[in-house]
């Protein structure tokens, strides 16, 4: 869009026009990474109570700030980007379609999810 006349003097918000919630993304990634569904939910209040404790954060592999994403209800407007991309053949892919590549990247890069593995191997 930066090379198109449509983009002159415009700023675009590039975001998924059909976003998933953080809970949905977590479930999709857990299924793709471990071939399992999350076993349940931990109440946000419980997480906020234990995650200030550094050894627990390290054991779980979760930072306390991550909890805010589960309750934040942000909305983004990508209508200008969609309008200017109309007819170009360019569209935002569904996040779900890229999960296989994302998990493959995590594996190649050696990125691990300690909480997911520790928690789910018990079930």
PDB file of N, CA and C in Angstrom:
ATOM      1  N   UNK A   1       0.820  -1.179   0.000  1.00  0.00           N
ATOM      2  CA  UNK A   1       0.000   0.000   0.000  1.00  0.00           C
ATOM      3  C   UNK A   1       0.870   1.250   0.000  1.00  0.00           C
ATOM      4  N   UNK A   2       2.087   1.089   0.467  1.00  0.00           N
ATOM      5  CA  UNK A   2       2.971   2.256   0.493  1.00  0.00           C
ATOM      6  C   UNK A   2       3.379   2.683  -0.910  1.00  0.00           C
ATOM      7  N   UNK A   3       3.267   1.788  -1.889  1.00  0.00           N
ATOM      8  CA  UNK A   3       3.629   2.123  -3.264  1.00  0.00           C
ATOM      9  C   UNK A   3       2.418   2.511  -4.113  1.00  0.00           C
ATOM     10  N   UNK A   4       1.239   2.423  -3.553  1.00  0.00           N
ATOM     11  CA  UNK A   4       0.008   2.742  -4.279  1.00  0.00           C
ATOM     12  C   UNK A   4      -0.402   4.183  -4.019  1.00  0.00           C
ATOM     13  N   UNK A   5      -0.998   4.797  -5.019  1.00  0.00           N
ATOM     14  CA  UNK A   5      -1.527   6.155  -4.832  1.00  0.00           C
ATOM     15  C   UNK A   5      -2.597   6.194  -3.745  1.00  0.00           C
ATOM     16  N   UNK A   6      -3.277   5.068  -3.535  1.00  0.00           N
ATOM     17  CA  UNK A   6      -4.304   5.008  -2.493  1.00  0.00           C
ATOM     18  C   UNK A   6      -3.707   5.251  -1.101  1.00  0.00           C
ATOM     19  N   UNK A   7      -2.434   4.957  -0.949  1.00  0.00           N
ATOM     20  CA  UNK A   7      -1.814   5.046   0.366  1.00  0.00           C
ATOM     21  C   UNK A   7      -1.207   6.401   0.695  1.00  0.00           C
ATOM     22  N   UNK A   8      -1.238   7.327  -0.240  1.00  0.00           N
ATOM     23  CA  UNK A   8      -0.622   8.647  -0.005  1.00  0.00           C
ATOM     24  C   UNK A   8      -1.327   9.355   1.157  1.00  0.00           C
ATOM     25  N   UNK A   9      -0.540   9.812   2.105  1.00  0.00           N
ATOM     26  CA  UNK A   9      -1.008  10.561   3.285  1.00  0.00           C
ATOM     27  C   UNK A   9      -1.949   9.754   4.173  1.00  0.00           C
ATOM     28  N   UNK A  10      -1.816   8.446   4.171  1.00  0.00           N
ATOM     29  CA  UNK A  10      -2.662   7.605   5.012  1.00  0.00           C
ATOM     30  C   UNK A  10      -1.804   6.774   5.957  1.00  0.00           C
ATOM     31  N   UNK A  11      -2.387   6.486   7.088  1.00  0.00           N
ATOM     32  CA  UNK A  11      -1.802   5.556   8.038  1.00  0.00           C
ATOM     33  C   UNK A  11      -2.791   4.405   8.178  1.00  0.00           C
ATOM     34  N   UNK A  12      -2.278   3.196   8.113  1.00  0.00           N
ATOM     35  CA  UNK A  12      -3.145   2.025   8.171  1.00  0.00           C
ATOM     36  C   UNK A  12      -2.966   1.280   9.474  1.00  0.00           C
ATOM     37  N   UNK A  13      -4.074   0.721   9.940  1.00  0.00           N
ATOM     38  CA  UNK A  13      -4.022  -0.185  11.081  1.00  0.00           C
ATOM     39  C   UNK A  13      -4.150  -1.580  10.489  1.00  0.00           C
ATOM     40  N   UNK A  14      -3.035  -2.301  10.467  1.00  0.00           N
ATOM     41  CA  UNK A  14      -3.036  -3.653   9.905  1.00  0.00           C
ATOM     42  C   UNK A  14      -3.293  -4.647  11.017  1.00  0.00           C
ATOM     43  N   UNK A  15      -4.467  -5.200  11.000  1.00  0.00           N
ATOM     44  CA  UNK A  15      -4.876  -6.148  12.028  1.00  0.00           C
ATOM     45  C   UNK A  15      -5.847  -7.140  11.415  1.00  0.00           C
ATOM     46  N   UNK A  16      -6.030  -8.237  12.073  1.00  0.00           N
ATOM     47  CA  UNK A  16      -6.923  -9.277  11.585  1.00  0.00           C
ATOM     48  C   UNK A  16      -8.363  -8.766  11.596  1.00  0.00           C
ATOM     49  N   UNK A  17      -9.042  -8.784  10.449  1.00  0.00           N
ATOM     50  CA  UNK A  17     -10.429  -8.307  10.429  1.00  0.00           C
ATOM     51  C   UNK A  17     -11.398  -9.250  11.154  1.00  0.00           C
ATOM     52  N   UNK A  18     -10.980 -10.482  11.379  1.00  0.00           N
ATOM     53  CA  UNK A  18     -11.788 -11.469  12.110  1.00  0.00           C
ATOM     54  C   UNK A  18     -10.942 -12.078  13.222  1.00  0.00           C
ATOM     55  N   UNK A  19     -10.619 -11.287  14.248  1.00  0.00           N
ATOM     56  CA  UNK A  19      -9.655 -11.758  15.255  1.00  0.00           C
ATOM     57  C   UNK A  19     -10.208 -12.840  16.171  1.00  0.00           C
ATOM     58  N   UNK A  20      -9.287 -13.639  16.672  1.00  0.00           N
ATOM     59  CA  UNK A  20      -9.590 -14.638  17.691  1.00  0.00           C
ATOM     60  C   UNK A  20      -9.325 -14.025  19.054  1.00  0.00           C
ATOM     61  N   UNK A  21      -9.973 -14.557  20.076  1.00  0.00           N
ATOM     62  CA  UNK A  21      -9.669 -14.119  21.441  1.00  0.00           C
ATOM     63  C   UNK A  21      -8.367 -14.793  21.876  1.00  0.00           C
ATOM     64  N   UNK A  22      -7.765 -14.296  22.930  1.00  0.00           N
ATOM     65  CA  UNK A  22      -6.540 -14.896  23.450  1.00  0.00           C
ATOM     66  C   UNK A  22      -6.815 -16.334  23.899  1.00  0.00           C
ATOM     67  N   UNK A  23      -7.975 -16.556  24.484  1.00  0.00           N
ATOM     68  CA  UNK A  23      -8.337 -17.907  24.907  1.00  0.00           C
ATOM     69  C   UNK A  23      -8.416 -18.843  23.710  1.00  0.00           C
ATOM     70  N   UNK A  24      -8.997 -18.379  22.604  1.00  0.00           N
ATOM     71  CA  UNK A  24      -9.088 -19.197  21.394  1.00  0.00           C
ATOM     72  C   UNK A  24      -7.702 -19.468  20.814  1.00  0.00           C
ATOM     73  N   UNK A  25      -6.849 -18.457  20.805  1.00  0.00           N
ATOM     74  CA  UNK A  25      -5.482 -18.632  20.289  1.00  0.00           C
ATOM     75  C   UNK A  25      -4.724 -19.635  21.148  1.00  0.00           C
ATOM     76  N   UNK A  26      -4.859 -19.523  22.466  1.00  0.00           N
ATOM     77  CA  UNK A  26      -4.194 -20.466  23.370  1.00  0.00           C
ATOM     78  C   UNK A  26      -4.652 -21.895  23.085  1.00  0.00           C
ATOM     79  N   UNK A  27      -5.947 -22.067  22.895  1.00  0.00           N
ATOM     80  CA  UNK A  27      -6.489 -23.393  22.614  1.00  0.00           C
ATOM     81  C   UNK A  27      -5.969 -23.918  21.270  1.00  0.00           C
ATOM     82  N   UNK A  28      -5.946 -23.076  20.251  1.00  0.00           N
ATOM     83  CA  UNK A  28      -5.447 -23.482  18.934  1.00  0.00           C
ATOM     84  C   UNK A  28      -3.969 -23.872  18.998  1.00  0.00           C
ATOM     85  N   UNK A  29      -3.178 -23.066  19.692  1.00  0.00           N
ATOM     86  CA  UNK A  29      -1.743 -23.351  19.795  1.00  0.00           C
ATOM     87  C   UNK A  29      -1.482 -24.611  20.619  1.00  0.00           C
ATOM     88  N   UNK A  30      -2.221 -24.785  21.700  1.00  0.00           N
ATOM     89  CA  UNK A  30      -2.043 -25.976  22.530  1.00  0.00           C
ATOM     90  C   UNK A  30      -2.377 -27.228  21.729  1.00  0.00           C
ATOM     91  N   UNK A  31      -3.448 -27.160  20.966  1.00  0.00           N
ATOM     92  CA  UNK A  31      -3.825 -28.314  20.147  1.00  0.00           C
ATOM     93  C   UNK A  31      -2.762 -28.589  19.086  1.00  0.00           C
ATOM     94  N   UNK A  32      -2.283 -27.543  18.422  1.00  0.00           N
ATOM     95  CA  UNK A  32      -1.277 -27.726  17.370  1.00  0.00           C
ATOM     96  C   UNK A  32       0.056 -28.196  17.940  1.00  0.00           C
ATOM     97  N   UNK A  33       0.424 -27.691  19.109  1.00  0.00           N
ATOM     98  CA  UNK A  33       1.725 -27.986  19.704  1.00  0.00           C
ATOM     99  C   UNK A  33       1.759 -29.352  20.372  1.00  0.00           C
ATOM    100  N   UNK A  34       0.661 -29.714  21.048  1.00  0.00           N
ATOM    101  CA  UNK A  34       0.645 -30.947  21.836  1.00  0.00           C
ATOM    102  C   UNK A  34      -0.422 -31.947  21.405  1.00  0.00           C
ATOM    103  N   UNK A  35      -1.220 -31.576  20.399  1.00  0.00           N
ATOM    104  CA  UNK A  35      -2.314 -32.439  19.941  1.00  0.00           C
ATOM    105  C   UNK A  35      -3.310 -32.709  21.062  1.00  0.00           C
ATOM    106  N   UNK A  36      -3.486 -31.716  21.940  1.00  0.00           N
ATOM    107  CA  UNK A  36      -4.424 -31.821  23.053  1.00  0.00           C
ATOM    108  C   UNK A  36      -5.137 -30.486  23.205  1.00  0.00           C
ATOM    109  N   UNK A  37      -6.254 -30.537  23.885  1.00  0.00           N
ATOM    110  CA  UNK A  37      -6.967 -29.317  24.241  1.00  0.00           C
ATOM    111  C   UNK A  37      -6.573 -28.931  25.665  1.00  0.00           C
ATOM    112  N   UNK A  38      -6.639 -27.645  25.994  1.00  0.00           N
ATOM    113  CA  UNK A  38      -6.375 -27.268  27.385  1.00  0.00           C
ATOM    114  C   UNK A  38      -7.320 -28.021  28.316  1.00  0.00           C
ATOM    115  N   UNK A  39      -6.796 -28.442  29.449  1.00  0.00           N
ATOM    116  CA  UNK A  39      -7.564 -29.272  30.378  1.00  0.00           C
ATOM    117  C   UNK A  39      -8.587 -28.473  31.171  1.00  0.00           C
ATOM    118  N   UNK A  40      -8.431 -27.205  31.252  1.00  0.00           N
ATOM    119  CA  UNK A  40      -9.355 -26.389  32.025  1.00  0.00           C
ATOM    120  C   UNK A  40      -8.847 -24.968  32.108  1.00  0.00           C
ATOM    121  N   UNK A  41      -9.479 -24.203  32.970  1.00  0.00           N
ATOM    122  CA  UNK A  41      -9.100 -22.804  33.142  1.00  0.00           C
ATOM    123  C   UNK A  41      -8.705 -22.548  34.589  1.00  0.00           C
ATOM    124  N   UNK A  42      -7.763 -21.670  34.735  1.00  0.00           N
ATOM    125  CA  UNK A  42      -7.389 -21.188  36.058  1.00  0.00           C
ATOM    126  C   UNK A  42      -8.009 -19.805  36.188  1.00  0.00           C
ATOM    127  N   UNK A  43      -8.769 -19.543  37.233  1.00  0.00           N
ATOM    128  CA  UNK A  43      -9.374 -18.216  37.382  1.00  0.00           C
ATOM    129  C   UNK A  43      -8.314 -17.110  37.360  1.00  0.00           C
ATOM    130  N   UNK A  44      -8.638 -16.019  36.695  1.00  0.00           N
ATOM    131  CA  UNK A  44      -7.707 -14.882  36.593  1.00  0.00           C
ATOM    132  C   UNK A  44      -7.257 -14.439  37.988  1.00  0.00           C
ATOM    133  N   UNK A  45      -8.178 -14.386  38.935  1.00  0.00           N
ATOM    134  CA  UNK A  45      -7.831 -13.953  40.296  1.00  0.00           C
ATOM    135  C   UNK A  45      -6.768 -14.867  40.904  1.00  0.00           C
ATOM    136  N   UNK A  46      -6.864 -16.164  40.655  1.00  0.00           N
ATOM    137  CA  UNK A  46      -5.860 -17.099  41.179  1.00  0.00           C
ATOM    138  C   UNK A  46      -4.511 -16.854  40.513  1.00  0.00           C
ATOM    139  N   UNK A  47      -4.535 -16.648  39.217  1.00  0.00           N
ATOM    140  CA  UNK A  47      -3.291 -16.356  38.509  1.00  0.00           C
ATOM    141  C   UNK A  47      -2.640 -15.078  39.006  1.00  0.00           C
ATOM    142  N   UNK A  48      -3.450 -14.052  39.218  1.00  0.00           N
ATOM    143  CA  UNK A  48      -2.913 -12.778  39.712  1.00  0.00           C
ATOM    144  C   UNK A  48      -2.372 -12.917  41.135  1.00  0.00           C
ATOM    145  N   UNK A  49      -2.904 -13.873  41.872  1.00  0.00           N
ATOM    146  CA  UNK A  49      -2.436 -14.080  43.247  1.00  0.00           C
ATOM    147  C   UNK A  49      -1.085 -14.788  43.282  1.00  0.00           C
ATOM    148  N   UNK A  50      -0.838 -15.716  42.342  1.00  0.00           N
ATOM    149  CA  UNK A  50       0.400 -16.504  42.410  1.00  0.00           C
ATOM    150  C   UNK A  50       1.502 -15.997  41.477  1.00  0.00           C
ATOM    151  N   UNK A  51       1.154 -15.324  40.408  1.00  0.00           N
ATOM    152  CA  UNK A  51       2.197 -14.921  39.458  1.00  0.00           C
ATOM    153  C   UNK A  51       3.127 -13.803  39.929  1.00  0.00           C
ATOM    154  N   UNK A  52       2.780 -13.026  40.939  1.00  0.00           N
ATOM    155  CA  UNK A  52       3.788 -12.103  41.466  1.00  0.00           C
ATOM    156  C   UNK A  52       4.975 -12.831  42.111  1.00  0.00           C
ATOM    157  N   UNK A  53       4.833 -14.113  42.394  1.00  0.00           N
ATOM    158  CA  UNK A  53       5.902 -14.902  43.020  1.00  0.00           C
ATOM    159  C   UNK A  53       6.838 -15.398  41.914  1.00  0.00           C
ATOM    160  N   UNK A  54       8.051 -14.851  41.890  1.00  0.00           N
ATOM    161  CA  UNK A  54       8.981 -15.114  40.793  1.00  0.00           C
ATOM    162  C   UNK A  54       9.265 -16.600  40.543  1.00  0.00           C
ATOM    163  N   UNK A  55       9.521 -17.417  41.562  1.00  0.00           N
ATOM    164  CA  UNK A  55       9.769 -18.837  41.284  1.00  0.00           C
ATOM    165  C   UNK A  55       8.585 -19.532  40.593  1.00  0.00           C
ATOM    166  N   UNK A  56       7.365 -19.142  40.944  1.00  0.00           N
ATOM    167  CA  UNK A  56       6.194 -19.727  40.290  1.00  0.00           C
ATOM    168  C   UNK A  56       6.101 -19.282  38.837  1.00  0.00           C
ATOM    169  N   UNK A  57       6.393 -17.993  38.583  1.00  0.00           N
ATOM    170  CA  UNK A  57       6.402 -17.503  37.193  1.00  0.00           C
ATOM    171  C   UNK A  57       7.415 -18.279  36.370  1.00  0.00           C
ATOM    172  N   UNK A  58       8.581 -18.503  36.945  1.00  0.00           N
ATOM    173  CA  UNK A  58       9.626 -19.229  36.225  1.00  0.00           C
ATOM    174  C   UNK A  58       9.208 -20.680  35.987  1.00  0.00           C
ATOM    175  N   UNK A  59       8.648 -21.324  36.999  1.00  0.00           N
ATOM    176  CA  UNK A  59       8.197 -22.704  36.872  1.00  0.00           C
ATOM    177  C   UNK A  59       7.109 -22.829  35.802  1.00  0.00           C
ATOM    178  N   UNK A  60       6.159 -21.896  35.818  1.00  0.00           N
ATOM    179  CA  UNK A  60       5.042 -21.953  34.873  1.00  0.00           C
ATOM    180  C   UNK A  60       5.416 -21.423  33.488  1.00  0.00           C
ATOM    181  N   UNK A  61       6.457 -20.596  33.417  1.00  0.00           N
ATOM    182  CA  UNK A  61       6.846 -20.016  32.141  1.00  0.00           C
ATOM    183  C   UNK A  61       5.864 -18.960  31.668  1.00  0.00           C
ATOM    184  N   UNK A  62       5.229 -18.275  32.626  1.00  0.00           N
ATOM    185  CA  UNK A  62       4.216 -17.264  32.304  1.00  0.00           C
ATOM    186  C   UNK A  62       4.523 -15.994  33.091  1.00  0.00           C
ATOM    187  N   UNK A  63       4.508 -14.879  32.402  1.00  0.00           N
ATOM    188  CA  UNK A  63       4.683 -13.596  33.085  1.00  0.00           C
ATOM    189  C   UNK A  63       3.321 -13.100  33.561  1.00  0.00           C
ATOM    190  N   UNK A  64       3.305 -12.391  34.687  1.00  0.00           N
ATOM    191  CA  UNK A  64       2.032 -11.942  35.258  1.00  0.00           C
ATOM    192  C   UNK A  64       1.286 -10.997  34.316  1.00  0.00           C
ATOM    193  N   UNK A  65       2.002 -10.251  33.500  1.00  0.00           N
ATOM    194  CA  UNK A  65       1.360  -9.314  32.582  1.00  0.00           C
ATOM    195  C   UNK A  65       0.553 -10.029  31.494  1.00  0.00           C
ATOM    196  N   UNK A  66       0.862 -11.297  31.252  1.00  0.00           N
ATOM    197  CA  UNK A  66       0.153 -12.058  30.220  1.00  0.00           C
ATOM    198  C   UNK A  66      -1.331 -12.209  30.554  1.00  0.00           C
ATOM    199  N   UNK A  67      -1.680 -12.200  31.822  1.00  0.00           N
ATOM    200  CA  UNK A  67      -3.078 -12.383  32.221  1.00  0.00           C
ATOM    201  C   UNK A  67      -3.976 -11.263  31.716  1.00  0.00           C
ATOM    202  N   UNK A  68      -3.428 -10.068  31.608  1.00  0.00           N
ATOM    203  CA  UNK A  68      -4.236  -8.932  31.164  1.00  0.00           C
ATOM    204  C   UNK A  68      -4.813  -9.153  29.764  1.00  0.00           C
ATOM    205  N   UNK A  69      -4.117  -9.908  28.935  1.00  0.00           N
ATOM    206  CA  UNK A  69      -4.604 -10.147  27.579  1.00  0.00           C
ATOM    207  C   UNK A  69      -5.856 -11.019  27.561  1.00  0.00           C
ATOM    208  N   UNK A  70      -6.086 -11.797  28.602  1.00  0.00           N
ATOM    209  CA  UNK A  70      -7.266 -12.652  28.653  1.00  0.00           C
ATOM    210  C   UNK A  70      -8.530 -11.871  28.984  1.00  0.00           C
ATOM    211  N   UNK A  71      -8.393 -10.679  29.559  1.00  0.00           N
ATOM    212  CA  UNK A  71      -9.568  -9.893  29.938  1.00  0.00           C
ATOM    213  C   UNK A  71      -9.684  -8.585  29.168  1.00  0.00           C
ATOM    214  N   UNK A  72      -8.658  -8.218  28.424  1.00  0.00           N
ATOM    215  CA  UNK A  72      -8.675  -6.964  27.663  1.00  0.00           C
ATOM    216  C   UNK A  72      -9.594  -7.120  26.465  1.00  0.00           C
ATOM    217  N   UNK A  73     -10.437  -6.136  26.237  1.00  0.00           N
ATOM    218  CA  UNK A  73     -11.415  -6.224  25.158  1.00  0.00           C
ATOM    219  C   UNK A  73     -11.167  -5.123  24.136  1.00  0.00           C
ATOM    220  N   UNK A  74      -9.989  -5.152  23.527  1.00  0.00           N
ATOM    221  CA  UNK A  74      -9.634  -4.134  22.541  1.00  0.00           C
ATOM    222  C   UNK A  74     -10.332  -4.354  21.214  1.00  0.00           C
ATOM    223  N   UNK A  75     -10.559  -3.293  20.513  1.00  0.00           N
ATOM    224  CA  UNK A  75     -11.147  -3.343  19.174  1.00  0.00           C
ATOM    225  C   UNK A  75     -10.276  -2.507  18.249  1.00  0.00           C
ATOM    226  N   UNK A  76     -10.061  -3.000  17.048  1.00  0.00           N
ATOM    227  CA  UNK A  76      -9.230  -2.306  16.090  1.00  0.00           C
ATOM    228  C   UNK A  76     -10.004  -2.106  14.797  1.00  0.00           C
ATOM    229  N   UNK A  77      -9.769  -0.989  14.150  1.00  0.00           N
ATOM    230  CA  UNK A  77     -10.473  -0.656  12.914  1.00  0.00           C
ATOM    231  C   UNK A  77      -9.516  -0.772  11.736  1.00  0.00           C
ATOM    232  N   UNK A  78      -9.708  -1.795  10.946  1.00  0.00           N
ATOM    233  CA  UNK A  78      -8.862  -1.981   9.768  1.00  0.00           C
ATOM    234  C   UNK A  78      -9.656  -1.724   8.487  1.00  0.00           C
ATOM    235  N   UNK A  79     -10.785  -1.003   8.603  1.00  0.00           N
ATOM    236  CA  UNK A  79     -11.657  -0.783   7.447  1.00  0.00           C
ATOM    237  C   UNK A  79     -10.948  -0.021   6.326  1.00  0.00           C
ATOM    238  N   UNK A  80     -10.093   0.936   6.666  1.00  0.00           N
ATOM    239  CA  UNK A  80      -9.371   1.686   5.622  1.00  0.00           C
ATOM    240  C   UNK A  80      -8.412   0.774   4.866  1.00  0.00           C
ATOM    241  N   UNK A  81      -7.711  -0.071   5.583  1.00  0.00           N
ATOM    242  CA  UNK A  81      -6.795  -1.018   4.938  1.00  0.00           C
ATOM    243  C   UNK A  81      -7.569  -1.985   4.051  1.00  0.00           C
ATOM    244  N   UNK A  82      -8.695  -2.501   4.547  1.00  0.00           N
ATOM    245  CA  UNK A  82      -9.500  -3.424   3.748  1.00  0.00           C
ATOM    246  C   UNK A  82     -10.044  -2.751   2.497  1.00  0.00           C
ATOM    247  N   UNK A  83     -10.502  -1.507   2.645  1.00  0.00           N
ATOM    248  CA  UNK A  83     -11.042  -0.768   1.491  1.00  0.00           C
ATOM    249  C   UNK A  83      -9.966  -0.537   0.440  1.00  0.00           C
ATOM    250  N   UNK A  84      -8.773  -0.146   0.875  1.00  0.00           N
ATOM    251  CA  UNK A  84      -7.704   0.147  -0.082  1.00  0.00           C
ATOM    252  C   UNK A  84      -7.086  -1.122  -0.671  1.00  0.00           C
ATOM    253  N   UNK A  85      -7.221  -2.249   0.007  1.00  0.00           N
ATOM    254  CA  UNK A  85      -6.728  -3.518  -0.536  1.00  0.00           C
ATOM    255  C   UNK A  85      -7.752  -4.204  -1.446  1.00  0.00           C
ATOM    256  N   UNK A  86      -8.999  -3.742  -1.398  1.00  0.00           N
ATOM    257  CA  UNK A  86     -10.057  -4.358  -2.203  1.00  0.00           C
ATOM    258  C   UNK A  86      -9.646  -4.380  -3.677  1.00  0.00           C
ATOM    259  N   UNK A  87      -9.788  -5.539  -4.283  1.00  0.00           N
ATOM    260  CA  UNK A  87      -9.454  -5.695  -5.694  1.00  0.00           C
ATOM    261  C   UNK A  87      -7.982  -5.955  -5.972  1.00  0.00           C
ATOM    262  N   UNK A  88      -7.145  -5.941  -4.941  1.00  0.00           N
ATOM    263  CA  UNK A  88      -5.708  -6.131  -5.137  1.00  0.00           C
ATOM    264  C   UNK A  88      -5.309  -7.607  -5.116  1.00  0.00           C
ATOM    265  N   UNK A  89      -6.201  -8.450  -4.617  1.00  0.00           N
ATOM    266  CA  UNK A  89      -5.862  -9.864  -4.454  1.00  0.00           C
ATOM    267  C   UNK A  89      -5.124 -10.146  -3.160  1.00  0.00           C
ATOM    268  N   UNK A  90      -4.914  -9.123  -2.344  1.00  0.00           N
ATOM    269  CA  UNK A  90      -4.229  -9.275  -1.057  1.00  0.00           C
ATOM    270  C   UNK A  90      -5.285  -9.283   0.043  1.00  0.00           C
ATOM    271  N   UNK A  91      -5.202 -10.275   0.930  1.00  0.00           N
ATOM    272  CA  UNK A  91      -6.136 -10.334   2.045  1.00  0.00           C
ATOM    273  C   UNK A  91      -5.413 -10.878   3.268  1.00  0.00           C
ATOM    274  N   UNK A  92      -6.001 -10.645   4.409  1.00  0.00           N
ATOM    275  CA  UNK A  92      -5.442 -11.141   5.662  1.00  0.00           C
ATOM    276  C   UNK A  92      -5.771 -12.616   5.793  1.00  0.00           C
ATOM    277  N   UNK A  93      -4.769 -13.467   5.957  1.00  0.00           N
ATOM    278  CA  UNK A  93      -5.066 -14.893   6.129  1.00  0.00           C
ATOM    279  C   UNK A  93      -5.672 -15.159   7.500  1.00  0.00           C
ATOM    280  N   UNK A  94      -6.396 -16.231   7.595  1.00  0.00           N
ATOM    281  CA  UNK A  94      -6.953 -16.652   8.875  1.00  0.00           C
ATOM    282  C   UNK A  94      -5.794 -17.101   9.763  1.00  0.00           C
ATOM    283  N   UNK A  95      -5.769 -16.615  11.003  1.00  0.00           N
ATOM    284  CA  UNK A  95      -4.693 -16.968  11.933  1.00  0.00           C
ATOM    285  C   UNK A  95      -4.527 -18.476  12.035  1.00  0.00           C
ATOM    286  N   UNK A  96      -5.646 -19.194  12.065  1.00  0.00           N
ATOM    287  CA  UNK A  96      -5.631 -20.647  12.199  1.00  0.00           C
ATOM    288  C   UNK A  96      -4.819 -21.302  11.074  1.00  0.00           C
ATOM    289  N   UNK A  97      -4.835 -20.717   9.881  1.00  0.00           N
ATOM    290  CA  UNK A  97      -4.122 -21.299   8.748  1.00  0.00           C
ATOM    291  C   UNK A  97      -2.599 -21.227   8.885  1.00  0.00           C
ATOM    292  N   UNK A  98      -2.108 -20.348   9.746  1.00  0.00           N
ATOM    293  CA  UNK A  98      -0.671 -20.200   9.921  1.00  0.00           C
ATOM    294  C   UNK A  98      -0.105 -20.893  11.143  1.00  0.00           C
ATOM    295  N   UNK A  99      -0.955 -21.537  11.917  1.00  0.00           N
ATOM    296  CA  UNK A  99      -0.501 -22.134  13.173  1.00  0.00           C
ATOM    297  C   UNK A  99       0.528 -23.235  12.940  1.00  0.00           C
ATOM    298  N   UNK A 100       0.348 -24.056  11.926  1.00  0.00           N
ATOM    299  CA  UNK A 100       1.315 -25.127  11.654  1.00  0.00           C
ATOM    300  C   UNK A 100       2.711 -24.568  11.440  1.00  0.00           C
ATOM    301  N   UNK A 101       2.807 -23.494  10.659  1.00  0.00           N
ATOM    302  CA  UNK A 101       4.108 -22.852  10.416  1.00  0.00           C
ATOM    303  C   UNK A 101       4.666 -22.239  11.694  1.00  0.00           C
ATOM    304  N   UNK A 102       3.789 -21.677  12.503  1.00  0.00           N
ATOM    305  CA  UNK A 102       4.221 -21.061  13.758  1.00  0.00           C
ATOM    306  C   UNK A 102       4.796 -22.110  14.705  1.00  0.00           C
ATOM    307  N   UNK A 103       4.110 -23.221  14.842  1.00  0.00           N
ATOM    308  CA  UNK A 103       4.587 -24.299  15.717  1.00  0.00           C
ATOM    309  C   UNK A 103       5.888 -24.880  15.168  1.00  0.00           C
ATOM    310  N   UNK A 104       5.981 -25.022  13.860  1.00  0.00           N
ATOM    311  CA  UNK A 104       7.226 -25.510  13.255  1.00  0.00           C
ATOM    312  C   UNK A 104       8.384 -24.556  13.566  1.00  0.00           C
ATOM    313  N   UNK A 105       8.120 -23.248  13.471  1.00  0.00           N
ATOM    314  CA  UNK A 105       9.148 -22.255  13.808  1.00  0.00           C
ATOM    315  C   UNK A 105       9.567 -22.398  15.265  1.00  0.00           C
ATOM    316  N   UNK A 106       8.584 -22.526  16.180  1.00  0.00           N
ATOM    317  CA  UNK A 106       8.902 -22.700  17.600  1.00  0.00           C
ATOM    318  C   UNK A 106       9.821 -23.904  17.790  1.00  0.00           C
ATOM    319  N   UNK A 107       9.505 -24.989  17.117  1.00  0.00           N
ATOM    320  CA  UNK A 107      10.302 -26.213  17.260  1.00  0.00           C
ATOM    321  C   UNK A 107      11.719 -26.025  16.736  1.00  0.00           C
ATOM    322  N   UNK A 108      11.843 -25.444  15.559  1.00  0.00           N
ATOM    323  CA  UNK A 108      13.164 -25.225  14.957  1.00  0.00           C
ATOM    324  C   UNK A 108      13.994 -24.259  15.799  1.00  0.00           C
ATOM    325  N   UNK A 109      13.335 -23.219  16.304  1.00  0.00           N
ATOM    326  CA  UNK A 109      14.036 -22.195  17.090  1.00  0.00           C
ATOM    327  C   UNK A 109      14.301 -22.648  18.526  1.00  0.00           C
ATOM    328  N   UNK A 110      13.753 -23.797  18.912  1.00  0.00           N
ATOM    329  CA  UNK A 110      13.968 -24.295  20.270  1.00  0.00           C
ATOM    330  C   UNK A 110      13.133 -23.589  21.317  1.00  0.00           C
ATOM    331  N   UNK A 111      12.048 -22.936  20.887  1.00  0.00           N
ATOM    332  CA  UNK A 111      11.174 -22.235  21.823  1.00  0.00           C
ATOM    333  C   UNK A 111      10.252 -23.262  22.459  1.00  0.00           C
ATOM    334  N   UNK A 112      10.244 -23.287  23.780  1.00  0.00           N
ATOM    335  CA  UNK A 112       9.447 -24.270  24.506  1.00  0.00           C
ATOM    336  C   UNK A 112       8.370 -23.569  25.326  1.00  0.00           C
ATOM    337  N   UNK A 113       7.365 -24.306  25.656  1.00  0.00           N
ATOM    338  CA  UNK A 113       6.279 -23.804  26.469  1.00  0.00           C
ATOM    339  C   UNK A 113       6.236 -24.642  27.746  1.00  0.00           C
ATOM    340  N   UNK A 114       7.040 -24.304  28.736  1.00  0.00           N
ATOM    341  CA  UNK A 114       7.160 -25.164  29.915  1.00  0.00           C
ATOM    342  C   UNK A 114       5.839 -25.395  30.629  1.00  0.00           C
ATOM    343  N   UNK A 115       5.019 -24.372  30.788  1.00  0.00           N
ATOM    344  CA  UNK A 115       3.760 -24.546  31.509  1.00  0.00           C
ATOM    345  C   UNK A 115       2.872 -25.547  30.792  1.00  0.00           C
ATOM    346  N   UNK A 116       2.751 -25.413  29.498  1.00  0.00           N
ATOM    347  CA  UNK A 116       1.873 -26.295  28.737  1.00  0.00           C
ATOM    348  C   UNK A 116       2.318 -27.740  28.885  1.00  0.00           C
ATOM    349  N   UNK A 117       3.605 -28.008  28.703  1.00  0.00           N
ATOM    350  CA  UNK A 117       4.088 -29.381  28.798  1.00  0.00           C
ATOM    351  C   UNK A 117       3.949 -29.930  30.217  1.00  0.00           C
ATOM    352  N   UNK A 118       4.314 -29.146  31.223  1.00  0.00           N
ATOM    353  CA  UNK A 118       4.251 -29.626  32.607  1.00  0.00           C
ATOM    354  C   UNK A 118       2.809 -29.887  33.019  1.00  0.00           C
ATOM    355  N   UNK A 119       1.921 -28.986  32.639  1.00  0.00           N
ATOM    356  CA  UNK A 119       0.530 -29.102  33.061  1.00  0.00           C
ATOM    357  C   UNK A 119      -0.179 -30.245  32.342  1.00  0.00           C
ATOM    358  N   UNK A 120      -0.004 -30.328  31.042  1.00  0.00           N
ATOM    359  CA  UNK A 120      -0.772 -31.292  30.273  1.00  0.00           C
ATOM    360  C   UNK A 120      -0.255 -32.720  30.378  1.00  0.00           C
ATOM    361  N   UNK A 121       1.013 -32.913  30.676  1.00  0.00           N
ATOM    362  CA  UNK A 121       1.503 -34.295  30.734  1.00  0.00           C
ATOM    363  C   UNK A 121       0.909 -35.046  31.929  1.00  0.00           C
ATOM    364  N   UNK A 122       0.287 -34.317  32.854  1.00  0.00           N
ATOM    365  CA  UNK A 122      -0.341 -34.949  34.008  1.00  0.00           C
ATOM    366  C   UNK A 122      -1.720 -35.521  33.653  1.00  0.00           C
ATOM    367  N   UNK A 123      -2.239 -35.170  32.477  1.00  0.00           N
ATOM    368  CA  UNK A 123      -3.594 -35.592  32.121  1.00  0.00           C
ATOM    369  C   UNK A 123      -3.572 -36.638  31.034  1.00  0.00           C
TER     370      UNK A 123
END
